Amino acid sequence: AILINPKHYLTYNKNTEIIINSEFNVLNKK
């Protein structure tokens, strides 16, 4: 489990989890 920085929910608002999934997916694909 990766603890998600709560500040990301202030930075990206309703798009936070989409952005987090996308970043992890790029790492996962590599």
PDB file of all heavy atoms in Angstrom:
ATOM      1  N   ALA A   1       0.841  -1.195   0.000  1.00  0.00           N
ATOM      2  CA  ALA A   1       0.000   0.000   0.000  1.00  0.00           C
ATOM      3  C   ALA A   1       0.875   1.245   0.000  1.00  0.00           C
ATOM      4  O   ALA A   1       1.808   1.353   0.796  1.00  0.00           O
ATOM      5  CB  ALA A   1      -0.911   0.001   1.226  1.00  0.00           C
ATOM      6  N   ILE A   2       0.581   2.154  -0.910  1.00  0.00           N
ATOM      7  CA  ILE A   2       1.258   3.450  -0.949  1.00  0.00           C
ATOM      8  C   ILE A   2       0.328   4.482  -0.322  1.00  0.00           C
ATOM      9  O   ILE A   2      -0.794   4.686  -0.795  1.00  0.00           O
ATOM     10  CB  ILE A   2       1.581   3.874  -2.393  1.00  0.00           C
ATOM     11  CG1 ILE A   2       2.418   2.823  -3.109  1.00  0.00           C
ATOM     12  CG2 ILE A   2       2.285   5.227  -2.404  1.00  0.00           C
ATOM     13  CD1 ILE A   2       2.563   3.071  -4.602  1.00  0.00           C
ATOM     14  N   LEU A   3       0.778   5.099   0.763  1.00  0.00           N
ATOM     15  CA  LEU A   3      -0.010   6.164   1.380  1.00  0.00           C
ATOM     16  C   LEU A   3       0.026   7.389   0.480  1.00  0.00           C
ATOM     17  O   LEU A   3       1.093   7.916   0.157  1.00  0.00           O
ATOM     18  CB  LEU A   3       0.554   6.512   2.757  1.00  0.00           C
ATOM     19  CG  LEU A   3      -0.092   7.709   3.477  1.00  0.00           C
ATOM     20  CD1 LEU A   3      -1.584   7.499   3.690  1.00  0.00           C
ATOM     21  CD2 LEU A   3       0.617   7.971   4.812  1.00  0.00           C
ATOM     22  N   ILE A   4      -1.153   7.833   0.032  1.00  0.00           N
ATOM     23  CA  ILE A   4      -1.259   8.973  -0.881  1.00  0.00           C
ATOM     24  C   ILE A   4      -1.167  10.283  -0.087  1.00  0.00           C
ATOM     25  O   ILE A   4      -1.876  10.468   0.904  1.00  0.00           O
ATOM     26  CB  ILE A   4      -2.581   8.918  -1.667  1.00  0.00           C
ATOM     27  CG1 ILE A   4      -2.611   7.658  -2.550  1.00  0.00           C
ATOM     28  CG2 ILE A   4      -2.781  10.168  -2.510  1.00  0.00           C
ATOM     29  CD1 ILE A   4      -3.960   7.390  -3.190  1.00  0.00           C
ATOM     30  N   ASN A   5      -0.284  11.153  -0.518  1.00  0.00           N
ATOM     31  CA  ASN A   5      -0.120  12.443   0.144  1.00  0.00           C
ATOM     32  C   ASN A   5      -1.441  13.218   0.097  1.00  0.00           C
ATOM     33  O   ASN A   5      -1.954  13.517  -0.980  1.00  0.00           O
ATOM     34  CB  ASN A   5       0.978  13.236  -0.571  1.00  0.00           C
ATOM     35  CG  ASN A   5       1.421  14.458   0.215  1.00  0.00           C
ATOM     36  OD1 ASN A   5       0.642  15.059   0.947  1.00  0.00           O
ATOM     37  ND2 ASN A   5       2.681  14.830   0.047  1.00  0.00           N
ATOM     38  N   PRO A   6      -2.011  13.557   1.256  1.00  0.00           N
ATOM     39  CA  PRO A   6      -3.290  14.292   1.270  1.00  0.00           C
ATOM     40  C   PRO A   6      -3.254  15.604   0.502  1.00  0.00           C
ATOM     41  O   PRO A   6      -4.287  16.080   0.029  1.00  0.00           O
ATOM     42  CB  PRO A   6      -3.538  14.531   2.768  1.00  0.00           C
ATOM     43  CG  PRO A   6      -2.764  13.460   3.463  1.00  0.00           C
ATOM     44  CD  PRO A   6      -1.536  13.243   2.613  1.00  0.00           C
ATOM     45  N   LYS A   7      -2.050  16.201   0.355  1.00  0.00           N
ATOM     46  CA  LYS A   7      -1.937  17.465  -0.376  1.00  0.00           C
ATOM     47  C   LYS A   7      -2.335  17.305  -1.843  1.00  0.00           C
ATOM     48  O   LYS A   7      -2.696  18.287  -2.499  1.00  0.00           O
ATOM     49  CB  LYS A   7      -0.514  18.013  -0.260  1.00  0.00           C
ATOM     50  CG  LYS A   7      -0.151  18.492   1.137  1.00  0.00           C
ATOM     51  CD  LYS A   7       1.253  19.067   1.179  1.00  0.00           C
ATOM     52  CE  LYS A   7       1.598  19.561   2.580  1.00  0.00           C
ATOM     53  NZ  LYS A   7       2.970  20.098   2.666  1.00  0.00           N
ATOM     54  N   HIS A   8      -2.252  16.068  -2.359  1.00  0.00           N
ATOM     55  CA  HIS A   8      -2.635  15.856  -3.754  1.00  0.00           C
ATOM     56  C   HIS A   8      -4.121  16.098  -3.975  1.00  0.00           C
ATOM     57  O   HIS A   8      -4.532  16.486  -5.068  1.00  0.00           O
ATOM     58  CB  HIS A   8      -2.267  14.439  -4.195  1.00  0.00           C
ATOM     59  CG  HIS A   8      -0.860  14.334  -4.708  1.00  0.00           C
ATOM     60  ND1 HIS A   8       0.225  14.640  -3.925  1.00  0.00           N
ATOM     61  CD2 HIS A   8      -0.374  13.984  -5.922  1.00  0.00           C
ATOM     62  CE1 HIS A   8       1.325  14.475  -4.632  1.00  0.00           C
ATOM     63  NE2 HIS A   8       0.996  14.087  -5.850  1.00  0.00           N
ATOM     64  N   TYR A   9      -4.923  15.871  -2.939  1.00  0.00           N
ATOM     65  CA  TYR A   9      -6.364  16.093  -3.083  1.00  0.00           C
ATOM     66  C   TYR A   9      -6.698  17.583  -3.105  1.00  0.00           C
ATOM     67  O   TYR A   9      -7.754  17.978  -3.596  1.00  0.00           O
ATOM     68  CB  TYR A   9      -7.122  15.367  -1.966  1.00  0.00           C
ATOM     69  CG  TYR A   9      -7.147  13.869  -2.196  1.00  0.00           C
ATOM     70  CD1 TYR A   9      -6.132  13.063  -1.717  1.00  0.00           C
ATOM     71  CD2 TYR A   9      -8.163  13.282  -2.934  1.00  0.00           C
ATOM     72  CE1 TYR A   9      -6.134  11.692  -1.957  1.00  0.00           C
ATOM     73  CE2 TYR A   9      -8.174  11.916  -3.186  1.00  0.00           C
ATOM     74  CZ  TYR A   9      -7.159  11.129  -2.696  1.00  0.00           C
ATOM     75  OH  TYR A   9      -7.158   9.781  -2.938  1.00  0.00           O
ATOM     76  N   LEU A  10      -5.782  18.411  -2.595  1.00  0.00           N
ATOM     77  CA  LEU A  10      -5.937  19.856  -2.711  1.00  0.00           C
ATOM     78  C   LEU A  10      -5.393  20.349  -4.049  1.00  0.00           C
ATOM     79  O   LEU A  10      -5.924  21.281  -4.643  1.00  0.00           O
ATOM     80  CB  LEU A  10      -5.198  20.555  -1.560  1.00  0.00           C
ATOM     81  CG  LEU A  10      -5.676  20.243  -0.141  1.00  0.00           C
ATOM     82  CD1 LEU A  10      -4.768  20.906   0.878  1.00  0.00           C
ATOM     83  CD2 LEU A  10      -7.116  20.695   0.054  1.00  0.00           C
ATOM     84  N   THR A  11      -4.324  19.704  -4.530  1.00  0.00           N
ATOM     85  CA  THR A  11      -3.697  20.122  -5.773  1.00  0.00           C
ATOM     86  C   THR A  11      -4.560  19.821  -6.986  1.00  0.00           C
ATOM     87  O   THR A  11      -4.721  20.650  -7.884  1.00  0.00           O
ATOM     88  CB  THR A  11      -2.331  19.424  -5.933  1.00  0.00           C
ATOM     89  OG1 THR A  11      -1.510  19.753  -4.804  1.00  0.00           O
ATOM     90  CG2 THR A  11      -1.630  19.873  -7.207  1.00  0.00           C
ATOM     91  N   TYR A  12      -5.135  18.607  -7.028  1.00  0.00           N
ATOM     92  CA  TYR A  12      -5.834  18.147  -8.230  1.00  0.00           C
ATOM     93  C   TYR A  12      -7.343  18.025  -8.064  1.00  0.00           C
ATOM     94  O   TYR A  12      -8.046  17.704  -9.018  1.00  0.00           O
ATOM     95  CB  TYR A  12      -5.270  16.793  -8.661  1.00  0.00           C
ATOM     96  CG  TYR A  12      -3.779  16.800  -8.899  1.00  0.00           C
ATOM     97  CD1 TYR A  12      -2.939  15.943  -8.209  1.00  0.00           C
ATOM     98  CD2 TYR A  12      -3.195  17.684  -9.811  1.00  0.00           C
ATOM     99  CE1 TYR A  12      -1.567  15.941  -8.426  1.00  0.00           C
ATOM    100  CE2 TYR A  12      -1.828  17.697 -10.028  1.00  0.00           C
ATOM    101  CZ  TYR A  12      -1.024  16.816  -9.333  1.00  0.00           C
ATOM    102  OH  TYR A  12       0.330  16.825  -9.552  1.00  0.00           O
ATOM    103  N   ASN A  13      -7.843  18.234  -6.847  1.00  0.00           N
ATOM    104  CA  ASN A  13      -9.286  18.211  -6.578  1.00  0.00           C
ATOM    105  C   ASN A  13      -9.934  16.914  -7.072  1.00  0.00           C
ATOM    106  O   ASN A  13      -9.426  15.829  -6.800  1.00  0.00           O
ATOM    107  CB  ASN A  13      -9.950  19.453  -7.202  1.00  0.00           C
ATOM    108  CG  ASN A  13      -9.379  20.742  -6.634  1.00  0.00           C
ATOM    109  OD1 ASN A  13      -9.368  20.929  -5.422  1.00  0.00           O
ATOM    110  ND2 ASN A  13      -8.876  21.615  -7.488  1.00  0.00           N
ATOM    111  N   LYS A  14     -11.003  17.002  -7.826  1.00  0.00           N
ATOM    112  CA  LYS A  14     -11.760  15.810  -8.226  1.00  0.00           C
ATOM    113  C   LYS A  14     -11.001  14.923  -9.210  1.00  0.00           C
ATOM    114  O   LYS A  14     -11.396  13.783  -9.450  1.00  0.00           O
ATOM    115  CB  LYS A  14     -13.106  16.218  -8.830  1.00  0.00           C
ATOM    116  CG  LYS A  14     -13.000  17.007 -10.130  1.00  0.00           C
ATOM    117  CD  LYS A  14     -14.381  17.370 -10.663  1.00  0.00           C
ATOM    118  CE  LYS A  14     -14.290  18.135 -11.984  1.00  0.00           C
ATOM    119  NZ  LYS A  14     -15.632  18.474 -12.506  1.00  0.00           N
ATOM    120  N   ASN A  15      -9.918  15.418  -9.790  1.00  0.00           N
ATOM    121  CA  ASN A  15      -9.140  14.621 -10.748  1.00  0.00           C
ATOM    122  C   ASN A  15      -7.990  13.862 -10.091  1.00  0.00           C
ATOM    123  O   ASN A  15      -7.244  13.154 -10.776  1.00  0.00           O
ATOM    124  CB  ASN A  15      -8.561  15.524 -11.844  1.00  0.00           C
ATOM    125  CG  ASN A  15      -9.638  16.221 -12.642  1.00  0.00           C
ATOM    126  OD1 ASN A  15     -10.104  17.283 -12.234  1.00  0.00           O
ATOM    127  ND2 ASN A  15     -10.038  15.640 -13.745  1.00  0.00           N
ATOM    128  N   THR A  16      -7.857  13.981  -8.775  1.00  0.00           N
ATOM    129  CA  THR A  16      -6.696  13.424  -8.080  1.00  0.00           C
ATOM    130  C   THR A  16      -6.499  11.943  -8.366  1.00  0.00           C
ATOM    131  O   THR A  16      -5.411  11.503  -8.740  1.00  0.00           O
ATOM    132  CB  THR A  16      -6.821  13.643  -6.565  1.00  0.00           C
ATOM    133  OG1 THR A  16      -6.858  15.046  -6.292  1.00  0.00           O
ATOM    134  CG2 THR A  16      -5.637  13.026  -5.830  1.00  0.00           C
ATOM    135  N   GLU A  17      -7.526  11.144  -8.179  1.00  0.00           N
ATOM    136  CA  GLU A  17      -7.356   9.694  -8.296  1.00  0.00           C
ATOM    137  C   GLU A  17      -7.118   9.262  -9.737  1.00  0.00           C
ATOM    138  O   GLU A  17      -6.397   8.284  -9.983  1.00  0.00           O
ATOM    139  CB  GLU A  17      -8.547   8.978  -7.673  1.00  0.00           C
ATOM    140  CG  GLU A  17      -8.601   9.232  -6.160  1.00  0.00           C
ATOM    141  CD  GLU A  17      -9.656   8.416  -5.431  1.00  0.00           C
ATOM    142  OE1 GLU A  17     -10.362   7.627  -6.088  1.00  0.00           O
ATOM    143  OE2 GLU A  17      -9.766   8.562  -4.195  1.00  0.00           O
ATOM    144  N   ILE A  18      -7.667   9.987 -10.699  1.00  0.00           N
ATOM    145  CA  ILE A  18      -7.386   9.698 -12.110  1.00  0.00           C
ATOM    146  C   ILE A  18      -5.912   9.945 -12.403  1.00  0.00           C
ATOM    147  O   ILE A  18      -5.240   9.134 -13.063  1.00  0.00           O
ATOM    148  CB  ILE A  18      -8.263  10.576 -13.031  1.00  0.00           C
ATOM    149  CG1 ILE A  18      -9.740  10.225 -12.856  1.00  0.00           C
ATOM    150  CG2 ILE A  18      -7.856  10.406 -14.497  1.00  0.00           C
ATOM    151  CD1 ILE A  18     -10.686  11.174 -13.581  1.00  0.00           C
ATOM    152  N   ILE A  19      -5.381  11.047 -11.880  1.00  0.00           N
ATOM    153  CA  ILE A  19      -3.982  11.405 -12.107  1.00  0.00           C
ATOM    154  C   ILE A  19      -3.050  10.420 -11.416  1.00  0.00           C
ATOM    155  O   ILE A  19      -2.035   9.990 -11.986  1.00  0.00           O
ATOM    156  CB  ILE A  19      -3.730  12.856 -11.648  1.00  0.00           C
ATOM    157  CG1 ILE A  19      -4.441  13.827 -12.599  1.00  0.00           C
ATOM    158  CG2 ILE A  19      -2.241  13.175 -11.562  1.00  0.00           C
ATOM    159  CD1 ILE A  19      -4.463  15.261 -12.150  1.00  0.00           C
ATOM    160  N   ILE A  20      -3.380  10.034 -10.184  1.00  0.00           N
ATOM    161  CA  ILE A  20      -2.569   9.053  -9.454  1.00  0.00           C
ATOM    162  C   ILE A  20      -2.537   7.717 -10.192  1.00  0.00           C
ATOM    163  O   ILE A  20      -1.478   7.104 -10.361  1.00  0.00           O
ATOM    164  CB  ILE A  20      -3.110   8.883  -8.020  1.00  0.00           C
ATOM    165  CG1 ILE A  20      -2.737  10.109  -7.180  1.00  0.00           C
ATOM    166  CG2 ILE A  20      -2.587   7.603  -7.371  1.00  0.00           C
ATOM    167  CD1 ILE A  20      -3.420  10.170  -5.838  1.00  0.00           C
ATOM    168  N   ASN A  21      -3.686   7.265 -10.643  1.00  0.00           N
ATOM    169  CA  ASN A  21      -3.746   6.009 -11.403  1.00  0.00           C
ATOM    170  C   ASN A  21      -2.916   6.092 -12.680  1.00  0.00           C
ATOM    171  O   ASN A  21      -2.239   5.131 -13.061  1.00  0.00           O
ATOM    172  CB  ASN A  21      -5.198   5.666 -11.744  1.00  0.00           C
ATOM    173  CG  ASN A  21      -5.908   4.966 -10.608  1.00  0.00           C
ATOM    174  OD1 ASN A  21      -5.384   4.031 -10.009  1.00  0.00           O
ATOM    175  ND2 ASN A  21      -7.119   5.414 -10.281  1.00  0.00           N
ATOM    176  N   SER A  22      -2.962   7.234 -13.348  1.00  0.00           N
ATOM    177  CA  SER A  22      -2.209   7.401 -14.594  1.00  0.00           C
ATOM    178  C   SER A  22      -0.702   7.374 -14.341  1.00  0.00           C
ATOM    179  O   SER A  22       0.053   6.730 -15.081  1.00  0.00           O
ATOM    180  CB  SER A  22      -2.592   8.712 -15.285  1.00  0.00           C
ATOM    181  OG  SER A  22      -3.935   8.672 -15.734  1.00  0.00           O
ATOM    182  N   GLU A  23      -0.240   8.066 -13.277  1.00  0.00           N
ATOM    183  CA  GLU A  23       1.191   8.066 -12.970  1.00  0.00           C
ATOM    184  C   GLU A  23       1.669   6.656 -12.626  1.00  0.00           C
ATOM    185  O   GLU A  23       2.719   6.212 -13.114  1.00  0.00           O
ATOM    186  CB  GLU A  23       1.504   9.018 -11.812  1.00  0.00           C
ATOM    187  CG  GLU A  23       2.998   9.088 -11.516  1.00  0.00           C
ATOM    188  CD  GLU A  23       3.366   9.990 -10.339  1.00  0.00           C
ATOM    189  OE1 GLU A  23       2.439  10.579  -9.732  1.00  0.00           O
ATOM    190  OE2 GLU A  23       4.567  10.091 -10.044  1.00  0.00           O
ATOM    191  N   PHE A  24       0.908   5.948 -11.799  1.00  0.00           N
ATOM    192  CA  PHE A  24       1.320   4.585 -11.438  1.00  0.00           C
ATOM    193  C   PHE A  24       1.287   3.670 -12.659  1.00  0.00           C
ATOM    194  O   PHE A  24       2.136   2.788 -12.807  1.00  0.00           O
ATOM    195  CB  PHE A  24       0.416   4.026 -10.338  1.00  0.00           C
ATOM    196  CG  PHE A  24       0.904   2.708  -9.787  1.00  0.00           C
ATOM    197  CD1 PHE A  24       1.906   2.675  -8.828  1.00  0.00           C
ATOM    198  CD2 PHE A  24       0.390   1.506 -10.242  1.00  0.00           C
ATOM    199  CE1 PHE A  24       2.376   1.468  -8.332  1.00  0.00           C
ATOM    200  CE2 PHE A  24       0.852   0.292  -9.753  1.00  0.00           C
ATOM    201  CZ  PHE A  24       1.851   0.280  -8.790  1.00  0.00           C
ATOM    202  N   ASN A  25       0.328   3.888 -13.543  1.00  0.00           N
ATOM    203  CA  ASN A  25       0.201   3.046 -14.731  1.00  0.00           C
ATOM    204  C   ASN A  25       1.401   3.205 -15.658  1.00  0.00           C
ATOM    205  O   ASN A  25       1.863   2.229 -16.270  1.00  0.00           O
ATOM    206  CB  ASN A  25      -1.092   3.375 -15.474  1.00  0.00           C
ATOM    207  CG  ASN A  25      -1.480   2.304 -16.469  1.00  0.00           C
ATOM    208  OD1 ASN A  25      -1.357   1.114 -16.195  1.00  0.00           O
ATOM    209  ND2 ASN A  25      -1.944   2.709 -17.625  1.00  0.00           N
ATOM    210  N   VAL A  26       1.934   4.426 -15.791  1.00  0.00           N
ATOM    211  CA  VAL A  26       3.121   4.645 -16.615  1.00  0.00           C
ATOM    212  C   VAL A  26       4.316   3.895 -16.024  1.00  0.00           C
ATOM    213  O   VAL A  26       5.078   3.234 -16.738  1.00  0.00           O
ATOM    214  CB  VAL A  26       3.432   6.155 -16.739  1.00  0.00           C
ATOM    215  CG1 VAL A  26       4.766   6.369 -17.452  1.00  0.00           C
ATOM    216  CG2 VAL A  26       2.317   6.863 -17.503  1.00  0.00           C
ATOM    217  N   LEU A  27       4.474   3.962 -14.699  1.00  0.00           N
ATOM    218  CA  LEU A  27       5.540   3.214 -14.024  1.00  0.00           C
ATOM    219  C   LEU A  27       5.333   1.713 -14.190  1.00  0.00           C
ATOM    220  O   LEU A  27       6.268   0.962 -14.475  1.00  0.00           O
ATOM    221  CB  LEU A  27       5.559   3.578 -12.542  1.00  0.00           C
ATOM    222  CG  LEU A  27       6.553   2.825 -11.659  1.00  0.00           C
ATOM    223  CD1 LEU A  27       7.980   3.194 -12.035  1.00  0.00           C
ATOM    224  CD2 LEU A  27       6.301   3.112 -10.183  1.00  0.00           C
ATOM    225  N   ASN A  28       4.083   1.288 -14.040  1.00  0.00           N
ATOM    226  CA  ASN A  28       3.751  -0.135 -14.137  1.00  0.00           C
ATOM    227  C   ASN A  28       4.050  -0.686 -15.524  1.00  0.00           C
ATOM    228  O   ASN A  28       4.548  -1.805 -15.678  1.00  0.00           O
ATOM    229  CB  ASN A  28       2.263  -0.322 -13.799  1.00  0.00           C
ATOM    230  CG  ASN A  28       1.864  -1.779 -13.685  1.00  0.00           C
ATOM    231  OD1 ASN A  28       2.623  -2.588 -13.172  1.00  0.00           O
ATOM    232  ND2 ASN A  28       0.686  -2.107 -14.169  1.00  0.00           N
ATOM    233  N   LYS A  29       3.773   0.112 -16.554  1.00  0.00           N
ATOM    234  CA  LYS A  29       4.031  -0.340 -17.925  1.00  0.00           C
ATOM    235  C   LYS A  29       5.522  -0.501 -18.196  1.00  0.00           C
ATOM    236  O   LYS A  29       5.941  -1.389 -18.934  1.00  0.00           O
ATOM    237  CB  LYS A  29       3.413   0.630 -18.930  1.00  0.00           C
ATOM    238  CG  LYS A  29       1.905   0.486 -19.075  1.00  0.00           C
ATOM    239  CD  LYS A  29       1.379   1.342 -20.202  1.00  0.00           C
ATOM    240  CE  LYS A  29      -0.103   1.080 -20.429  1.00  0.00           C
ATOM    241  NZ  LYS A  29      -0.631   1.859 -21.571  1.00  0.00           N
ATOM    242  N   LYS A  30       6.342   0.366 -17.586  1.00  0.00           N
ATOM    243  CA  LYS A  30       7.784   0.278 -17.800  1.00  0.00           C
ATOM    244  C   LYS A  30       8.379  -0.948 -17.127  1.00  0.00           C
ATOM    245  O   LYS A  30       9.223  -1.648 -17.699  1.00  0.00           O
ATOM    246  CB  LYS A  30       8.474   1.544 -17.278  1.00  0.00           C
ATOM    247  CG  LYS A  30       9.986   1.518 -17.503  1.00  0.00           C
ATOM    248  CD  LYS A  30      10.632   2.846 -17.184  1.00  0.00           C
ATOM    249  CE  LYS A  30      12.127   2.809 -17.508  1.00  0.00           C
ATOM    250  NZ  LYS A  30      12.783   4.118 -17.297  1.00  0.00           N
TER     251      LYS A  30
END
